[in-house]
Amino acid sequence: MPQITVDYSGVLAHVFDREGFARALHTATVEIAAAKPEACKTQFRRSEYTAFGYEDPEEQGHAIVHVTLGLLAGRTEETKAKLTEAVLELLRKHVEEDEFVLHASAEVRDLDPSYRKFER
């Protein structure tokens, strides 16, 4: 915990500072949601094809980023909203402006009570 997943259009690969974003996001998650730094884990999933509306987003000049943060239950709705806003601000800072229209979104979810983990 927290489990963070970042799905993004492949066309952003050259303009998305993933390493810087992850570091800044982990810091924000610790500060806002009282997570432990060593518990923050982020997985980036690049999509070679994404669709926007009825057209190919690359032809229309659109790119998509969606961030999902899974946290153990117990955070207030205010804390979740503050973290979501921080994520969107960090995306603005870590995705360079390009010829694409950037569609960025984020959500914070409570992990299911069945959540378990192990480390080796």
N, C-alpha and C. Protein backbone atom coordinates (compact mmCIF):
# COMPACT_ATOMS: atom_id res chain seq x y z
N MET A 1 0.85 -1.15 0.00
CA MET A 1 0.00 0.00 0.00
C MET A 1 0.90 1.21 0.00
N PRO A 2 0.65 2.26 -0.68
CA PRO A 2 -0.39 2.36 -1.70
C PRO A 2 0.02 1.69 -3.01
N GLN A 3 -0.98 1.21 -3.71
CA GLN A 3 -0.78 0.62 -5.03
C GLN A 3 -1.18 1.67 -6.06
N ILE A 4 -0.23 2.11 -6.86
CA ILE A 4 -0.47 3.18 -7.82
C ILE A 4 -0.24 2.64 -9.23
N THR A 5 -1.20 2.89 -10.10
CA THR A 5 -1.10 2.46 -11.49
C THR A 5 -1.30 3.68 -12.38
N VAL A 6 -0.41 3.83 -13.36
CA VAL A 6 -0.50 4.95 -14.30
C VAL A 6 -0.63 4.36 -15.70
N ASP A 7 -1.78 4.56 -16.30
CA ASP A 7 -2.02 4.14 -17.68
C ASP A 7 -1.87 5.37 -18.56
N TYR A 8 -1.10 5.24 -19.65
CA TYR A 8 -0.87 6.41 -20.50
C TYR A 8 -0.70 6.01 -21.96
N SER A 9 -1.08 6.95 -22.83
CA SER A 9 -0.93 6.75 -24.27
C SER A 9 0.54 6.68 -24.63
N GLY A 10 0.88 5.75 -25.51
CA GLY A 10 2.26 5.58 -25.93
C GLY A 10 2.86 6.82 -26.57
N VAL A 11 2.03 7.66 -27.16
CA VAL A 11 2.55 8.87 -27.81
C VAL A 11 3.17 9.84 -26.82
N LEU A 12 2.92 9.62 -25.52
CA LEU A 12 3.49 10.50 -24.49
C LEU A 12 4.87 10.04 -24.02
N ALA A 13 5.33 8.92 -24.51
CA ALA A 13 6.58 8.33 -24.00
C ALA A 13 7.74 9.31 -23.99
N HIS A 14 7.83 10.14 -24.99
CA HIS A 14 8.97 11.07 -25.08
C HIS A 14 8.75 12.39 -24.34
N VAL A 15 7.55 12.63 -23.80
CA VAL A 15 7.28 13.89 -23.10
C VAL A 15 6.82 13.70 -21.66
N PHE A 16 6.74 12.46 -21.19
CA PHE A 16 6.26 12.16 -19.84
C PHE A 16 7.45 11.76 -18.98
N ASP A 17 7.79 12.59 -18.01
CA ASP A 17 8.87 12.30 -17.07
C ASP A 17 8.32 11.37 -15.99
N ARG A 18 8.32 10.09 -16.29
CA ARG A 18 7.74 9.10 -15.38
C ARG A 18 8.51 9.01 -14.07
N GLU A 19 9.82 9.02 -14.13
CA GLU A 19 10.62 8.91 -12.90
C GLU A 19 10.37 10.10 -11.97
N GLY A 20 10.40 11.29 -12.53
CA GLY A 20 10.15 12.48 -11.73
C GLY A 20 8.73 12.51 -11.18
N PHE A 21 7.77 12.08 -12.01
CA PHE A 21 6.38 12.03 -11.57
C PHE A 21 6.23 11.05 -10.41
N ALA A 22 6.81 9.87 -10.52
CA ALA A 22 6.68 8.86 -9.46
C ALA A 22 7.27 9.37 -8.15
N ARG A 23 8.45 9.97 -8.21
CA ARG A 23 9.06 10.50 -6.97
C ARG A 23 8.17 11.56 -6.33
N ALA A 24 7.70 12.49 -7.15
CA ALA A 24 6.85 13.57 -6.63
C ALA A 24 5.52 13.02 -6.11
N LEU A 25 4.97 12.04 -6.81
CA LEU A 25 3.71 11.44 -6.38
C LEU A 25 3.88 10.70 -5.06
N HIS A 26 4.98 9.98 -4.89
CA HIS A 26 5.22 9.28 -3.63
C HIS A 26 5.33 10.29 -2.48
N THR A 27 6.03 11.39 -2.72
CA THR A 27 6.15 12.43 -1.69
C THR A 27 4.78 12.99 -1.33
N ALA A 28 3.96 13.29 -2.33
CA ALA A 28 2.63 13.83 -2.09
C ALA A 28 1.75 12.83 -1.34
N THR A 29 1.87 11.56 -1.69
CA THR A 29 1.06 10.53 -1.05
C THR A 29 1.43 10.39 0.43
N VAL A 30 2.71 10.50 0.73
CA VAL A 30 3.17 10.45 2.13
C VAL A 30 2.64 11.67 2.88
N GLU A 31 2.77 12.84 2.30
CA GLU A 31 2.36 14.08 2.97
C GLU A 31 0.85 14.19 3.13
N ILE A 32 0.10 13.83 2.12
CA ILE A 32 -1.35 14.02 2.13
C ILE A 32 -2.10 12.87 2.78
N ALA A 33 -1.69 11.63 2.47
CA ALA A 33 -2.46 10.47 2.92
C ALA A 33 -1.76 9.67 4.02
N ALA A 34 -0.65 10.21 4.55
CA ALA A 34 0.07 9.57 5.65
C ALA A 34 0.54 8.15 5.31
N ALA A 35 0.92 7.95 4.05
CA ALA A 35 1.48 6.66 3.64
C ALA A 35 2.94 6.60 4.07
N LYS A 36 3.47 5.42 4.18
CA LYS A 36 4.89 5.26 4.49
C LYS A 36 5.67 5.31 3.17
N PRO A 37 6.78 6.03 3.12
CA PRO A 37 7.53 6.16 1.87
C PRO A 37 7.91 4.82 1.26
N GLU A 38 8.34 3.88 2.07
CA GLU A 38 8.77 2.58 1.55
C GLU A 38 7.60 1.73 1.04
N ALA A 39 6.38 2.14 1.34
CA ALA A 39 5.21 1.39 0.89
C ALA A 39 4.70 1.86 -0.47
N CYS A 40 5.16 3.01 -0.93
CA CYS A 40 4.68 3.56 -2.20
C CYS A 40 5.25 2.77 -3.37
N LYS A 41 4.37 2.29 -4.23
CA LYS A 41 4.76 1.52 -5.41
C LYS A 41 3.95 2.02 -6.60
N THR A 42 4.63 2.33 -7.69
CA THR A 42 3.94 2.81 -8.88
C THR A 42 4.32 1.95 -10.08
N GLN A 43 3.30 1.55 -10.80
CA GLN A 43 3.49 0.77 -12.03
C GLN A 43 2.97 1.60 -13.20
N PHE A 44 3.79 1.75 -14.24
CA PHE A 44 3.40 2.49 -15.44
C PHE A 44 3.03 1.49 -16.53
N ARG A 45 1.88 1.71 -17.15
CA ARG A 45 1.43 0.84 -18.24
C ARG A 45 1.20 1.71 -19.48
N ARG A 46 2.09 1.53 -20.44
CA ARG A 46 2.02 2.27 -21.69
C ARG A 46 1.10 1.53 -22.65
N SER A 47 0.18 2.28 -23.24
CA SER A 47 -0.74 1.70 -24.20
C SER A 47 -0.35 2.17 -25.59
N GLU A 48 -0.13 1.23 -26.48
CA GLU A 48 0.24 1.60 -27.85
C GLU A 48 -0.93 2.15 -28.64
N TYR A 49 -2.13 1.82 -28.20
CA TYR A 49 -3.30 2.36 -28.89
C TYR A 49 -4.35 2.76 -27.88
N THR A 50 -4.82 3.99 -27.98
CA THR A 50 -5.95 4.45 -27.19
C THR A 50 -6.92 5.14 -28.14
N ALA A 51 -8.19 5.14 -27.80
CA ALA A 51 -9.21 5.76 -28.64
C ALA A 51 -9.83 6.94 -27.92
N PHE A 52 -10.16 7.96 -28.66
CA PHE A 52 -10.81 9.13 -28.13
C PHE A 52 -11.97 9.46 -29.05
N GLY A 53 -13.16 9.45 -28.52
CA GLY A 53 -14.33 9.74 -29.35
C GLY A 53 -14.47 8.71 -30.46
N TYR A 54 -14.71 9.18 -31.67
CA TYR A 54 -14.91 8.30 -32.80
C TYR A 54 -13.68 8.14 -33.67
N GLU A 55 -12.65 8.92 -33.38
CA GLU A 55 -11.46 8.94 -34.23
C GLU A 55 -10.25 8.35 -33.51
N ASP A 56 -9.22 8.05 -34.27
CA ASP A 56 -7.94 7.63 -33.72
C ASP A 56 -7.35 8.84 -32.99
N PRO A 57 -7.05 8.71 -31.68
CA PRO A 57 -6.57 9.88 -30.94
C PRO A 57 -5.26 10.44 -31.47
N GLU A 58 -4.41 9.60 -32.05
CA GLU A 58 -3.15 10.11 -32.58
C GLU A 58 -3.40 10.98 -33.81
N GLU A 59 -4.39 10.63 -34.59
CA GLU A 59 -4.73 11.44 -35.75
C GLU A 59 -5.39 12.74 -35.32
N GLN A 60 -6.16 12.72 -34.25
CA GLN A 60 -6.81 13.92 -33.75
C GLN A 60 -5.89 14.74 -32.86
N GLY A 61 -4.80 14.17 -32.41
CA GLY A 61 -3.89 14.88 -31.53
C GLY A 61 -4.28 14.82 -30.07
N HIS A 62 -4.77 13.66 -29.61
CA HIS A 62 -5.18 13.48 -28.23
C HIS A 62 -4.31 12.43 -27.55
N ALA A 63 -4.04 12.65 -26.28
CA ALA A 63 -3.30 11.68 -25.47
C ALA A 63 -4.02 11.55 -24.12
N ILE A 64 -3.89 10.37 -23.52
CA ILE A 64 -4.64 10.06 -22.30
C ILE A 64 -3.69 9.58 -21.21
N VAL A 65 -3.92 10.08 -19.99
CA VAL A 65 -3.23 9.57 -18.80
C VAL A 65 -4.29 9.39 -17.72
N HIS A 66 -4.31 8.22 -17.09
CA HIS A 66 -5.21 7.98 -15.96
C HIS A 66 -4.41 7.35 -14.83
N VAL A 67 -4.52 7.93 -13.63
CA VAL A 67 -3.79 7.46 -12.46
C VAL A 67 -4.80 6.92 -11.45
N THR A 68 -4.56 5.69 -11.00
CA THR A 68 -5.39 5.07 -9.97
C THR A 68 -4.52 4.82 -8.74
N LEU A 69 -4.97 5.30 -7.61
CA LEU A 69 -4.26 5.08 -6.34
C LEU A 69 -5.13 4.22 -5.45
N GLY A 70 -4.63 3.07 -5.06
CA GLY A 70 -5.33 2.20 -4.13
C GLY A 70 -4.73 2.34 -2.75
N LEU A 71 -5.53 2.79 -1.80
CA LEU A 71 -5.08 2.99 -0.43
C LEU A 71 -5.89 2.11 0.53
N LEU A 72 -5.29 1.76 1.65
CA LEU A 72 -6.05 1.07 2.68
C LEU A 72 -7.18 1.99 3.13
N ALA A 73 -8.31 1.41 3.47
CA ALA A 73 -9.49 2.19 3.86
C ALA A 73 -9.18 3.02 5.10
N GLY A 74 -9.91 4.12 5.23
CA GLY A 74 -9.78 4.95 6.41
C GLY A 74 -9.49 6.40 6.12
N ARG A 75 -9.14 6.73 4.88
CA ARG A 75 -8.90 8.14 4.55
C ARG A 75 -10.24 8.83 4.33
N THR A 76 -10.30 10.09 4.69
CA THR A 76 -11.53 10.85 4.49
C THR A 76 -11.70 11.19 3.01
N GLU A 77 -12.90 11.53 2.63
CA GLU A 77 -13.16 11.96 1.25
C GLU A 77 -12.37 13.22 0.94
N GLU A 78 -12.20 14.08 1.93
CA GLU A 78 -11.41 15.30 1.73
C GLU A 78 -9.95 14.96 1.41
N THR A 79 -9.39 14.00 2.13
CA THR A 79 -8.01 13.58 1.88
C THR A 79 -7.87 12.98 0.49
N LYS A 80 -8.83 12.15 0.11
CA LYS A 80 -8.79 11.54 -1.22
C LYS A 80 -8.88 12.61 -2.31
N ALA A 81 -9.75 13.58 -2.13
CA ALA A 81 -9.90 14.65 -3.13
C ALA A 81 -8.63 15.48 -3.21
N LYS A 82 -8.03 15.78 -2.07
CA LYS A 82 -6.79 16.56 -2.06
C LYS A 82 -5.67 15.80 -2.78
N LEU A 83 -5.60 14.50 -2.58
CA LEU A 83 -4.59 13.69 -3.25
C LEU A 83 -4.85 13.64 -4.75
N THR A 84 -6.09 13.50 -5.14
CA THR A 84 -6.43 13.48 -6.57
C THR A 84 -6.04 14.80 -7.23
N GLU A 85 -6.32 15.91 -6.60
CA GLU A 85 -5.94 17.22 -7.14
C GLU A 85 -4.42 17.33 -7.25
N ALA A 86 -3.71 16.81 -6.26
CA ALA A 86 -2.24 16.83 -6.31
C ALA A 86 -1.72 16.02 -7.49
N VAL A 87 -2.33 14.88 -7.75
CA VAL A 87 -1.94 14.04 -8.88
C VAL A 87 -2.09 14.81 -10.18
N LEU A 88 -3.22 15.47 -10.36
CA LEU A 88 -3.45 16.22 -11.60
C LEU A 88 -2.45 17.36 -11.76
N GLU A 89 -2.12 18.03 -10.66
CA GLU A 89 -1.13 19.10 -10.73
C GLU A 89 0.25 18.54 -11.10
N LEU A 90 0.59 17.38 -10.53
CA LEU A 90 1.88 16.76 -10.85
C LEU A 90 1.94 16.33 -12.32
N LEU A 91 0.83 15.87 -12.86
CA LEU A 91 0.81 15.51 -14.29
C LEU A 91 1.07 16.75 -15.14
N ARG A 92 0.49 17.88 -14.76
CA ARG A 92 0.74 19.12 -15.50
C ARG A 92 2.22 19.45 -15.52
N LYS A 93 2.91 19.18 -14.43
CA LYS A 93 4.33 19.51 -14.31
C LYS A 93 5.24 18.50 -14.99
N HIS A 94 4.81 17.24 -15.09
CA HIS A 94 5.71 16.18 -15.57
C HIS A 94 5.39 15.67 -16.97
N VAL A 95 4.39 16.25 -17.61
CA VAL A 95 4.12 15.96 -19.02
C VAL A 95 4.37 17.25 -19.77
N GLU A 96 5.43 17.24 -20.58
CA GLU A 96 5.77 18.45 -21.34
C GLU A 96 4.67 18.76 -22.34
N GLU A 97 4.52 20.04 -22.59
CA GLU A 97 3.53 20.43 -23.59
C GLU A 97 4.00 19.93 -24.96
N ASP A 98 3.06 19.47 -25.73
CA ASP A 98 3.33 18.91 -27.05
C ASP A 98 2.15 19.27 -27.93
N GLU A 99 2.13 18.72 -29.12
CA GLU A 99 1.03 19.01 -30.03
C GLU A 99 -0.25 18.26 -29.67
N PHE A 100 -0.22 17.46 -28.61
CA PHE A 100 -1.39 16.68 -28.20
C PHE A 100 -2.23 17.42 -27.18
N VAL A 101 -3.53 17.19 -27.24
CA VAL A 101 -4.43 17.61 -26.18
C VAL A 101 -4.34 16.51 -25.12
N LEU A 102 -3.99 16.88 -23.90
CA LEU A 102 -3.82 15.90 -22.84
C LEU A 102 -5.10 15.76 -22.04
N HIS A 103 -5.62 14.53 -21.97
CA HIS A 103 -6.78 14.20 -21.16
C HIS A 103 -6.24 13.47 -19.93
N ALA A 104 -6.18 14.16 -18.80
CA ALA A 104 -5.61 13.58 -17.58
C ALA A 104 -6.72 13.38 -16.55
N SER A 105 -6.66 12.25 -15.87
CA SER A 105 -7.64 11.98 -14.81
C SER A 105 -6.97 11.15 -13.72
N ALA A 106 -7.58 11.18 -12.55
CA ALA A 106 -7.04 10.43 -11.42
C ALA A 106 -8.18 10.07 -10.48
N GLU A 107 -7.97 8.99 -9.75
CA GLU A 107 -8.94 8.59 -8.73
C GLU A 107 -8.22 7.88 -7.61
N VAL A 108 -8.77 8.01 -6.41
CA VAL A 108 -8.26 7.31 -5.24
C VAL A 108 -9.33 6.33 -4.81
N ARG A 109 -8.93 5.08 -4.66
CA ARG A 109 -9.87 4.03 -4.26
C ARG A 109 -9.40 3.39 -2.97
N ASP A 110 -10.37 2.91 -2.19
CA ASP A 110 -10.03 2.08 -1.04
C ASP A 110 -9.73 0.68 -1.53
N LEU A 111 -8.64 0.12 -1.06
CA LEU A 111 -8.35 -1.27 -1.37
C LEU A 111 -9.40 -2.15 -0.69
N ASP A 112 -9.77 -3.21 -1.34
CA ASP A 112 -10.74 -4.15 -0.80
C ASP A 112 -10.19 -4.77 0.49
N PRO A 113 -11.07 -5.09 1.44
CA PRO A 113 -10.60 -5.73 2.67
C PRO A 113 -9.84 -7.04 2.44
N SER A 114 -10.01 -7.63 1.28
CA SER A 114 -9.29 -8.88 0.98
C SER A 114 -7.84 -8.63 0.58
N TYR A 115 -7.43 -7.38 0.43
CA TYR A 115 -6.07 -7.04 0.01
C TYR A 115 -5.04 -7.67 0.94
N ARG A 116 -4.06 -8.33 0.34
CA ARG A 116 -2.94 -8.92 1.07
C ARG A 116 -1.70 -8.68 0.24
N LYS A 117 -0.53 -8.77 0.86
CA LYS A 117 0.74 -8.64 0.13
C LYS A 117 1.79 -9.47 0.82
N PHE A 118 2.90 -9.69 0.12
CA PHE A 118 4.08 -10.27 0.74
C PHE A 118 5.31 -9.69 0.08
N GLU A 119 6.41 -9.75 0.77
CA GLU A 119 7.70 -9.29 0.25
C GLU A 119 8.69 -10.39 0.45
N ARG A 120 9.62 -10.53 -0.47
CA ARG A 120 10.70 -11.52 -0.33
C ARG A 120 12.02 -10.83 -0.23
